[in-house]
PDB file of all heavy atoms in Angstrom:
ATOM      1  N   VAL A   1     -74.065 -30.354 -36.944  1.00  0.00           N
ATOM      2  CA  VAL A   1     -72.939 -29.528 -36.615  1.00  0.00           C
ATOM      3  C   VAL A   1     -72.871 -28.339 -37.589  1.00  0.00           C
ATOM      4  O   VAL A   1     -73.043 -28.461 -38.808  1.00  0.00           O
ATOM      5  CB  VAL A   1     -71.561 -30.334 -36.851  1.00  0.00           C
ATOM      6  CG1 VAL A   1     -70.354 -29.515 -36.565  1.00  0.00           C
ATOM      7  CG2 VAL A   1     -71.609 -31.622 -36.003  1.00  0.00           C
ATOM      8  N   VAL A   2     -72.823 -27.131 -37.045  1.00  0.00           N
ATOM      9  CA  VAL A   2     -72.780 -25.970 -37.869  1.00  0.00           C
ATOM     10  C   VAL A   2     -71.457 -25.193 -37.558  1.00  0.00           C
ATOM     11  O   VAL A   2     -71.147 -24.867 -36.411  1.00  0.00           O
ATOM     12  CB  VAL A   2     -74.008 -24.973 -37.538  1.00  0.00           C
ATOM     13  CG1 VAL A   2     -73.946 -23.663 -38.335  1.00  0.00           C
ATOM     14  CG2 VAL A   2     -75.288 -25.824 -37.836  1.00  0.00           C
ATOM     15  N   GLY A   3     -70.737 -24.811 -38.672  1.00  0.00           N
ATOM     16  CA  GLY A   3     -69.512 -23.991 -38.516  1.00  0.00           C
ATOM     17  C   GLY A   3     -69.777 -22.553 -38.893  1.00  0.00           C
ATOM     18  O   GLY A   3     -70.688 -22.263 -39.637  1.00  0.00           O
ATOM     19  N   THR A   4     -69.071 -21.661 -38.212  1.00  0.00           N
ATOM     20  CA  THR A   4     -69.279 -20.255 -38.497  1.00  0.00           C
ATOM     21  C   THR A   4     -67.855 -19.653 -38.779  1.00  0.00           C
ATOM     22  O   THR A   4     -66.945 -19.836 -38.029  1.00  0.00           O
ATOM     23  CB  THR A   4     -69.873 -19.462 -37.256  1.00  0.00           C
ATOM     24  OG1 THR A   4     -71.142 -20.059 -36.952  1.00  0.00           O
ATOM     25  CG2 THR A   4     -70.066 -18.026 -37.558  1.00  0.00           C
ATOM     26  N   GLY A   5     -67.855 -18.851 -39.921  1.00  0.00           N
ATOM     27  CA  GLY A   5     -66.572 -18.260 -40.287  1.00  0.00           C
ATOM     28  C   GLY A   5     -66.519 -16.831 -39.747  1.00  0.00           C
ATOM     29  O   GLY A   5     -67.477 -16.272 -39.221  1.00  0.00           O
ATOM     30  N   ALA A   6     -65.285 -16.200 -39.838  1.00  0.00           N
ATOM     31  CA  ALA A   6     -65.121 -14.886 -39.291  1.00  0.00           C
ATOM     32  C   ALA A   6     -65.918 -13.814 -39.932  1.00  0.00           C
ATOM     33  O   ALA A   6     -66.230 -12.783 -39.236  1.00  0.00           O
ATOM     34  CB  ALA A   6     -63.566 -14.561 -39.484  1.00  0.00           C
ATOM     35  N   THR A   7     -66.360 -14.024 -41.102  1.00  0.00           N
ATOM     36  CA  THR A   7     -67.228 -13.017 -41.853  1.00  0.00           C
ATOM     37  C   THR A   7     -68.707 -13.185 -41.684  1.00  0.00           C
ATOM     38  O   THR A   7     -69.536 -12.590 -42.311  1.00  0.00           O
ATOM     39  CB  THR A   7     -66.848 -12.993 -43.375  1.00  0.00           C
ATOM     40  OG1 THR A   7     -67.144 -14.317 -43.878  1.00  0.00           O
ATOM     41  CG2 THR A   7     -65.474 -12.611 -43.618  1.00  0.00           C
ATOM     42  N   GLY A   8     -69.109 -14.146 -40.695  1.00  0.00           N
ATOM     43  CA  GLY A   8     -70.513 -14.412 -40.495  1.00  0.00           C
ATOM     44  C   GLY A   8     -71.057 -15.502 -41.324  1.00  0.00           C
ATOM     45  O   GLY A   8     -72.272 -15.766 -41.231  1.00  0.00           O
ATOM     46  N   ILE A   9     -70.265 -16.105 -42.182  1.00  0.00           N
ATOM     47  CA  ILE A   9     -70.820 -17.254 -42.990  1.00  0.00           C
ATOM     48  C   ILE A   9     -70.988 -18.480 -42.117  1.00  0.00           C
ATOM     49  O   ILE A   9     -70.109 -18.705 -41.236  1.00  0.00           O
ATOM     50  CB  ILE A   9     -69.753 -17.588 -44.095  1.00  0.00           C
ATOM     51  CG1 ILE A   9     -69.738 -16.396 -45.131  1.00  0.00           C
ATOM     52  CG2 ILE A   9     -70.229 -18.850 -44.839  1.00  0.00           C
ATOM     53  CD1 ILE A   9     -68.686 -16.542 -46.170  1.00  0.00           C
ATOM     54  N   LYS A  10     -72.067 -19.143 -42.316  1.00  0.00           N
ATOM     55  CA  LYS A  10     -72.376 -20.386 -41.521  1.00  0.00           C
ATOM     56  C   LYS A  10     -72.381 -21.492 -42.565  1.00  0.00           C
ATOM     57  O   LYS A  10     -72.844 -21.339 -43.679  1.00  0.00           O
ATOM     58  CB  LYS A  10     -73.693 -20.271 -40.805  1.00  0.00           C
ATOM     59  CG  LYS A  10     -73.749 -19.274 -39.713  1.00  0.00           C
ATOM     60  CD  LYS A  10     -74.983 -19.229 -39.044  1.00  0.00           C
ATOM     61  CE  LYS A  10     -75.050 -18.031 -38.016  1.00  0.00           C
ATOM     62  NZ  LYS A  10     -76.439 -17.995 -37.370  1.00  0.00           N
ATOM     63  N   VAL A  11     -72.010 -22.754 -42.178  1.00  0.00           N
ATOM     64  CA  VAL A  11     -72.070 -23.851 -43.075  1.00  0.00           C
ATOM     65  C   VAL A  11     -72.385 -25.222 -42.352  1.00  0.00           C
ATOM     66  O   VAL A  11     -72.095 -25.351 -41.163  1.00  0.00           O
ATOM     67  CB  VAL A  11     -70.583 -23.998 -43.769  1.00  0.00           C
ATOM     68  CG1 VAL A  11     -69.455 -24.117 -42.763  1.00  0.00           C
ATOM     69  CG2 VAL A  11     -70.680 -25.060 -44.781  1.00  0.00           C
ATOM     70  N   PHE A  12     -73.105 -26.015 -43.094  1.00  0.00           N
ATOM     71  CA  PHE A  12     -73.426 -27.343 -42.694  1.00  0.00           C
ATOM     72  C   PHE A  12     -73.189 -28.284 -43.766  1.00  0.00           C
ATOM     73  O   PHE A  12     -73.386 -27.941 -44.983  1.00  0.00           O
ATOM     74  CB  PHE A  12     -74.890 -27.464 -42.339  1.00  0.00           C
ATOM     75  CG  PHE A  12     -75.419 -28.864 -42.227  1.00  0.00           C
ATOM     76  CD1 PHE A  12     -75.333 -29.579 -41.059  1.00  0.00           C
ATOM     77  CD2 PHE A  12     -75.969 -29.492 -43.313  1.00  0.00           C
ATOM     78  CE1 PHE A  12     -75.733 -30.933 -40.988  1.00  0.00           C
ATOM     79  CE2 PHE A  12     -76.378 -30.853 -43.299  1.00  0.00           C
ATOM     80  CZ  PHE A  12     -76.250 -31.574 -42.139  1.00  0.00           C
ATOM     81  N   ALA A  13     -72.736 -29.465 -43.465  1.00  0.00           N
ATOM     82  CA  ALA A  13     -72.540 -30.539 -44.485  1.00  0.00           C
ATOM     83  C   ALA A  13     -72.901 -31.886 -43.889  1.00  0.00           C
ATOM     84  O   ALA A  13     -72.398 -32.219 -42.786  1.00  0.00           O
ATOM     85  CB  ALA A  13     -71.119 -30.532 -45.067  1.00  0.00           C
ATOM     86  N   GLY A  14     -73.701 -32.660 -44.597  1.00  0.00           N
ATOM     87  CA  GLY A  14     -74.025 -33.963 -44.125  1.00  0.00           C
ATOM     88  C   GLY A  14     -75.321 -34.533 -44.778  1.00  0.00           C
ATOM     89  O   GLY A  14     -75.975 -33.874 -45.566  1.00  0.00           O
ATOM     90  N   PRO A  15     -75.683 -35.721 -44.353  1.00  0.00           N
ATOM     91  CA  PRO A  15     -76.910 -36.275 -44.913  1.00  0.00           C
ATOM     92  C   PRO A  15     -78.136 -35.685 -44.416  1.00  0.00           C
ATOM     93  O   PRO A  15     -78.207 -35.295 -43.233  1.00  0.00           O
ATOM     94  CB  PRO A  15     -76.804 -37.771 -44.450  1.00  0.00           C
ATOM     95  CG  PRO A  15     -75.880 -37.844 -43.289  1.00  0.00           C
ATOM     96  CD  PRO A  15     -74.944 -36.641 -43.508  1.00  0.00           C
ATOM     97  N   ARG A  16     -79.158 -35.614 -45.287  1.00  0.00           N
ATOM     98  CA  ARG A  16     -80.479 -35.087 -44.864  1.00  0.00           C
ATOM     99  C   ARG A  16     -81.523 -35.806 -45.726  1.00  0.00           C
ATOM    100  O   ARG A  16     -81.326 -36.332 -46.801  1.00  0.00           O
ATOM    101  CB  ARG A  16     -80.556 -33.641 -45.171  1.00  0.00           C
ATOM    102  CG  ARG A  16     -79.929 -32.727 -44.025  1.00  0.00           C
ATOM    103  CD  ARG A  16     -80.702 -32.874 -42.772  1.00  0.00           C
ATOM    104  NE  ARG A  16     -80.154 -32.215 -41.613  1.00  0.00           N
ATOM    105  CZ  ARG A  16     -79.500 -32.832 -40.645  1.00  0.00           C
ATOM    106  NH1 ARG A  16     -79.177 -34.077 -40.694  1.00  0.00           N
ATOM    107  NH2 ARG A  16     -79.057 -32.123 -39.568  1.00  0.00           N
ATOM    108  N   ASP A  17     -82.720 -35.889 -45.100  1.00  0.00           N
ATOM    109  CA  ASP A  17     -83.891 -36.392 -45.903  1.00  0.00           C
ATOM    110  C   ASP A  17     -84.068 -35.666 -47.193  1.00  0.00           C
ATOM    111  O   ASP A  17     -84.002 -34.376 -47.089  1.00  0.00           O
ATOM    112  CB  ASP A  17     -85.109 -36.357 -45.026  1.00  0.00           C
ATOM    113  CG  ASP A  17     -86.339 -36.929 -45.657  1.00  0.00           C
ATOM    114  OD1 ASP A  17     -86.422 -38.164 -45.863  1.00  0.00           O
ATOM    115  OD2 ASP A  17     -87.230 -36.148 -45.988  1.00  0.00           O
ATOM    116  N   ASP A  18     -84.283 -36.325 -48.227  1.00  0.00           N
ATOM    117  CA  ASP A  18     -84.565 -35.624 -49.509  1.00  0.00           C
ATOM    118  C   ASP A  18     -85.770 -34.755 -49.406  1.00  0.00           C
ATOM    119  O   ASP A  18     -86.918 -35.353 -49.263  1.00  0.00           O
ATOM    120  CB  ASP A  18     -84.678 -36.506 -50.637  1.00  0.00           C
ATOM    121  CG  ASP A  18     -84.585 -35.861 -52.005  1.00  0.00           C
ATOM    122  OD1 ASP A  18     -84.979 -34.710 -52.187  1.00  0.00           O
ATOM    123  OD2 ASP A  18     -84.168 -36.536 -52.985  1.00  0.00           O
ATOM    124  N   PRO A  19     -85.739 -33.388 -49.535  1.00  0.00           N
ATOM    125  CA  PRO A  19     -86.949 -32.584 -49.352  1.00  0.00           C
ATOM    126  C   PRO A  19     -87.878 -32.447 -50.629  1.00  0.00           C
ATOM    127  O   PRO A  19     -88.941 -31.986 -50.501  1.00  0.00           O
ATOM    128  CB  PRO A  19     -86.404 -31.244 -49.044  1.00  0.00           C
ATOM    129  CG  PRO A  19     -85.054 -31.149 -49.770  1.00  0.00           C
ATOM    130  CD  PRO A  19     -84.628 -32.580 -49.770  1.00  0.00           C
ATOM    131  N   PHE A  20     -87.341 -32.954 -51.724  1.00  0.00           N
ATOM    132  CA  PHE A  20     -88.090 -32.854 -52.960  1.00  0.00           C
ATOM    133  C   PHE A  20     -89.278 -33.746 -53.086  1.00  0.00           C
ATOM    134  O   PHE A  20     -89.142 -34.986 -52.798  1.00  0.00           O
ATOM    135  CB  PHE A  20     -87.182 -33.034 -54.175  1.00  0.00           C
ATOM    136  CG  PHE A  20     -87.717 -32.564 -55.487  1.00  0.00           C
ATOM    137  CD1 PHE A  20     -87.975 -31.241 -55.747  1.00  0.00           C
ATOM    138  CD2 PHE A  20     -87.993 -33.450 -56.432  1.00  0.00           C
ATOM    139  CE1 PHE A  20     -88.453 -30.792 -56.933  1.00  0.00           C
ATOM    140  CE2 PHE A  20     -88.553 -33.103 -57.663  1.00  0.00           C
ATOM    141  CZ  PHE A  20     -88.789 -31.753 -57.931  1.00  0.00           C
ATOM    142  N   PHE A  21     -90.444 -33.253 -53.399  1.00  0.00           N
ATOM    143  CA  PHE A  21     -91.615 -34.090 -53.637  1.00  0.00           C
ATOM    144  C   PHE A  21     -91.941 -34.249 -55.164  1.00  0.00           C
ATOM    145  O   PHE A  21     -92.037 -33.228 -55.823  1.00  0.00           O
ATOM    146  CB  PHE A  21     -92.852 -33.492 -52.914  1.00  0.00           C
ATOM    147  CG  PHE A  21     -94.106 -34.380 -53.026  1.00  0.00           C
ATOM    148  CD1 PHE A  21     -94.452 -35.148 -51.909  1.00  0.00           C
ATOM    149  CD2 PHE A  21     -94.820 -34.493 -54.178  1.00  0.00           C
ATOM    150  CE1 PHE A  21     -95.576 -35.904 -51.964  1.00  0.00           C
ATOM    151  CE2 PHE A  21     -95.929 -35.277 -54.190  1.00  0.00           C
ATOM    152  CZ  PHE A  21     -96.291 -36.078 -53.120  1.00  0.00           C
ATOM    153  N   PHE A  22     -91.938 -35.433 -55.614  1.00  0.00           N
ATOM    154  CA  PHE A  22     -92.320 -35.617 -57.068  1.00  0.00           C
ATOM    155  C   PHE A  22     -92.811 -37.094 -57.263  1.00  0.00           C
ATOM    156  O   PHE A  22     -92.163 -38.091 -56.663  1.00  0.00           O
ATOM    157  CB  PHE A  22     -91.014 -35.409 -57.888  1.00  0.00           C
ATOM    158  CG  PHE A  22     -91.296 -35.431 -59.370  1.00  0.00           C
ATOM    159  CD1 PHE A  22     -92.215 -34.410 -59.903  1.00  0.00           C
ATOM    160  CD2 PHE A  22     -90.654 -36.279 -60.232  1.00  0.00           C
ATOM    161  CE1 PHE A  22     -92.439 -34.447 -61.241  1.00  0.00           C
ATOM    162  CE2 PHE A  22     -91.022 -36.285 -61.558  1.00  0.00           C
ATOM    163  CZ  PHE A  22     -91.832 -35.380 -62.092  1.00  0.00           C
ATOM    164  N   ASP A  23     -93.858 -37.158 -58.013  1.00  0.00           N
ATOM    165  CA  ASP A  23     -94.410 -38.449 -58.366  1.00  0.00           C
ATOM    166  C   ASP A  23     -93.684 -38.968 -59.588  1.00  0.00           C
ATOM    167  O   ASP A  23     -94.283 -38.814 -60.779  1.00  0.00           O
ATOM    168  CB  ASP A  23     -95.886 -38.345 -58.557  1.00  0.00           C
ATOM    169  CG  ASP A  23     -96.578 -39.730 -58.622  1.00  0.00           C
ATOM    170  OD1 ASP A  23     -95.873 -40.754 -58.928  1.00  0.00           O
ATOM    171  OD2 ASP A  23     -97.775 -39.749 -58.351  1.00  0.00           O
ATOM    172  N   LEU A  24     -92.517 -39.523 -59.391  1.00  0.00           N
ATOM    173  CA  LEU A  24     -91.636 -39.877 -60.517  1.00  0.00           C
ATOM    174  C   LEU A  24     -92.285 -41.034 -61.369  1.00  0.00           C
ATOM    175  O   LEU A  24     -92.240 -41.040 -62.628  1.00  0.00           O
ATOM    176  CB  LEU A  24     -90.274 -40.326 -60.067  1.00  0.00           C
ATOM    177  CG  LEU A  24     -89.248 -40.740 -61.129  1.00  0.00           C
ATOM    178  CD1 LEU A  24     -88.973 -39.637 -62.083  1.00  0.00           C
ATOM    179  CD2 LEU A  24     -87.971 -41.249 -60.522  1.00  0.00           C
ATOM    180  N   ASN A  25     -92.899 -41.985 -60.731  1.00  0.00           N
ATOM    181  CA  ASN A  25     -93.529 -43.153 -61.507  1.00  0.00           C
ATOM    182  C   ASN A  25     -94.620 -42.707 -62.361  1.00  0.00           C
ATOM    183  O   ASN A  25     -94.759 -43.099 -63.490  1.00  0.00           O
ATOM    184  CB  ASN A  25     -93.975 -44.253 -60.502  1.00  0.00           C
ATOM    185  CG  ASN A  25     -92.804 -44.795 -59.689  1.00  0.00           C
ATOM    186  OD1 ASN A  25     -91.704 -44.992 -60.279  1.00  0.00           O
ATOM    187  ND2 ASN A  25     -92.975 -45.178 -58.459  1.00  0.00           N
ATOM    188  N   GLN A  26     -95.464 -41.691 -61.859  1.00  0.00           N
ATOM    189  CA  GLN A  26     -96.549 -41.198 -62.659  1.00  0.00           C
ATOM    190  C   GLN A  26     -96.040 -40.377 -63.880  1.00  0.00           C
ATOM    191  O   GLN A  26     -96.535 -40.453 -64.940  1.00  0.00           O
ATOM    192  CB  GLN A  26     -97.482 -40.420 -61.864  1.00  0.00           C
ATOM    193  CG  GLN A  26     -98.760 -39.978 -62.589  1.00  0.00           C
ATOM    194  CD  GLN A  26     -99.789 -41.091 -62.933  1.00  0.00           C
ATOM    195  OE1 GLN A  26     -99.555 -42.221 -62.404  1.00  0.00           O
ATOM    196  NE2 GLN A  26    -100.724 -40.824 -63.614  1.00  0.00           N
ATOM    197  N   PHE A  27     -94.927 -39.649 -63.532  1.00  0.00           N
ATOM    198  CA  PHE A  27     -94.318 -38.818 -64.588  1.00  0.00           C
ATOM    199  C   PHE A  27     -93.820 -39.761 -65.736  1.00  0.00           C
ATOM    200  O   PHE A  27     -93.957 -39.431 -66.935  1.00  0.00           O
ATOM    201  CB  PHE A  27     -93.101 -38.014 -63.972  1.00  0.00           C
ATOM    202  CG  PHE A  27     -92.407 -37.273 -65.041  1.00  0.00           C
ATOM    203  CD1 PHE A  27     -92.995 -36.148 -65.608  1.00  0.00           C
ATOM    204  CD2 PHE A  27     -91.064 -37.597 -65.265  1.00  0.00           C
ATOM    205  CE1 PHE A  27     -92.286 -35.343 -66.593  1.00  0.00           C
ATOM    206  CE2 PHE A  27     -90.352 -36.751 -66.213  1.00  0.00           C
ATOM    207  CZ  PHE A  27     -90.979 -35.651 -66.882  1.00  0.00           C
ATOM    208  N   LYS A  28     -93.224 -40.905 -65.398  1.00  0.00           N
ATOM    209  CA  LYS A  28     -92.756 -41.834 -66.445  1.00  0.00           C
ATOM    210  C   LYS A  28     -93.976 -42.429 -67.244  1.00  0.00           C
ATOM    211  O   LYS A  28     -93.823 -42.576 -68.434  1.00  0.00           O
ATOM    212  CB  LYS A  28     -92.067 -43.037 -65.716  1.00  0.00           C
ATOM    213  CG  LYS A  28     -90.689 -42.592 -65.207  1.00  0.00           C
ATOM    214  CD  LYS A  28     -90.005 -43.852 -64.553  1.00  0.00           C
ATOM    215  CE  LYS A  28     -88.678 -43.511 -63.919  1.00  0.00           C
ATOM    216  NZ  LYS A  28     -88.029 -44.623 -63.266  1.00  0.00           N
ATOM    217  N   LYS A  29     -95.093 -42.631 -66.551  1.00  0.00           N
ATOM    218  CA  LYS A  29     -96.268 -43.100 -67.354  1.00  0.00           C
ATOM    219  C   LYS A  29     -96.831 -42.004 -68.307  1.00  0.00           C
ATOM    220  O   LYS A  29     -97.167 -42.324 -69.411  1.00  0.00           O
ATOM    221  CB  LYS A  29     -97.354 -43.509 -66.340  1.00  0.00           C
ATOM    222  CG  LYS A  29     -97.052 -44.688 -65.486  1.00  0.00           C
ATOM    223  CD  LYS A  29     -98.179 -44.962 -64.471  1.00  0.00           C
ATOM    224  CE  LYS A  29     -97.906 -46.193 -63.577  1.00  0.00           C
ATOM    225  NZ  LYS A  29     -98.844 -46.347 -62.569  1.00  0.00           N
ATOM    226  N   ILE A  30     -96.648 -40.729 -67.837  1.00  0.00           N
ATOM    227  CA  ILE A  30     -97.146 -39.669 -68.704  1.00  0.00           C
ATOM    228  C   ILE A  30     -96.199 -39.605 -69.948  1.00  0.00           C
ATOM    229  O   ILE A  30     -96.725 -39.541 -71.110  1.00  0.00           O
ATOM    230  CB  ILE A  30     -97.111 -38.295 -67.975  1.00  0.00           C
ATOM    231  CG1 ILE A  30     -98.189 -38.305 -66.876  1.00  0.00           C
ATOM    232  CG2 ILE A  30     -97.277 -37.094 -68.928  1.00  0.00           C
ATOM    233  CD1 ILE A  30     -98.032 -37.196 -65.880  1.00  0.00           C
ATOM    234  N   LEU A  31     -94.923 -39.727 -69.729  1.00  0.00           N
ATOM    235  CA  LEU A  31     -93.949 -39.656 -70.813  1.00  0.00           C
ATOM    236  C   LEU A  31     -94.184 -40.864 -71.822  1.00  0.00           C
ATOM    237  O   LEU A  31     -94.033 -40.720 -73.051  1.00  0.00           O
ATOM    238  CB  LEU A  31     -92.504 -39.715 -70.358  1.00  0.00           C
ATOM    239  CG  LEU A  31     -92.014 -38.456 -69.650  1.00  0.00           C
ATOM    240  CD1 LEU A  31     -90.540 -38.609 -69.168  1.00  0.00           C
ATOM    241  CD2 LEU A  31     -92.108 -37.245 -70.519  1.00  0.00           C
ATOM    242  N   ALA A  32     -94.575 -41.976 -71.257  1.00  0.00           N
ATOM    243  CA  ALA A  32     -94.831 -43.240 -72.028  1.00  0.00           C
ATOM    244  C   ALA A  32     -96.141 -43.229 -72.806  1.00  0.00           C
ATOM    245  O   ALA A  32     -96.416 -44.040 -73.585  1.00  0.00           O
ATOM    246  CB  ALA A  32     -94.674 -44.467 -71.159  1.00  0.00           C
ATOM    247  N   GLY A  33     -97.001 -42.232 -72.359  1.00  0.00           N
ATOM    248  CA  GLY A  33     -98.313 -42.146 -73.038  1.00  0.00           C
ATOM    249  C   GLY A  33     -99.301 -43.015 -72.449  1.00  0.00           C
ATOM    250  O   GLY A  33    -100.484 -43.162 -72.945  1.00  0.00           O
ATOM    251  N   THR A  34     -99.033 -43.654 -71.251  1.00  0.00           N
ATOM    252  CA  THR A  34    -100.035 -44.530 -70.609  1.00  0.00           C
ATOM    253  C   THR A  34    -100.826 -43.824 -69.544  1.00  0.00           C
ATOM    254  O   THR A  34    -101.639 -44.387 -68.842  1.00  0.00           O
ATOM    255  CB  THR A  34     -99.299 -45.731 -69.975  1.00  0.00           C
ATOM    256  OG1 THR A  34     -98.356 -45.266 -69.069  1.00  0.00           O
ATOM    257  CG2 THR A  34     -98.656 -46.613 -71.023  1.00  0.00           C
TER     258      THR A  34
END
């Protein structure tokens, strides 16, 4: 669902798949020195 305001602003709100890619577990190993 997309809403449009009078000044041309458009807005969406809702759940989405997390687009961020990060190897968090490997990052934790790097921080731990392993």
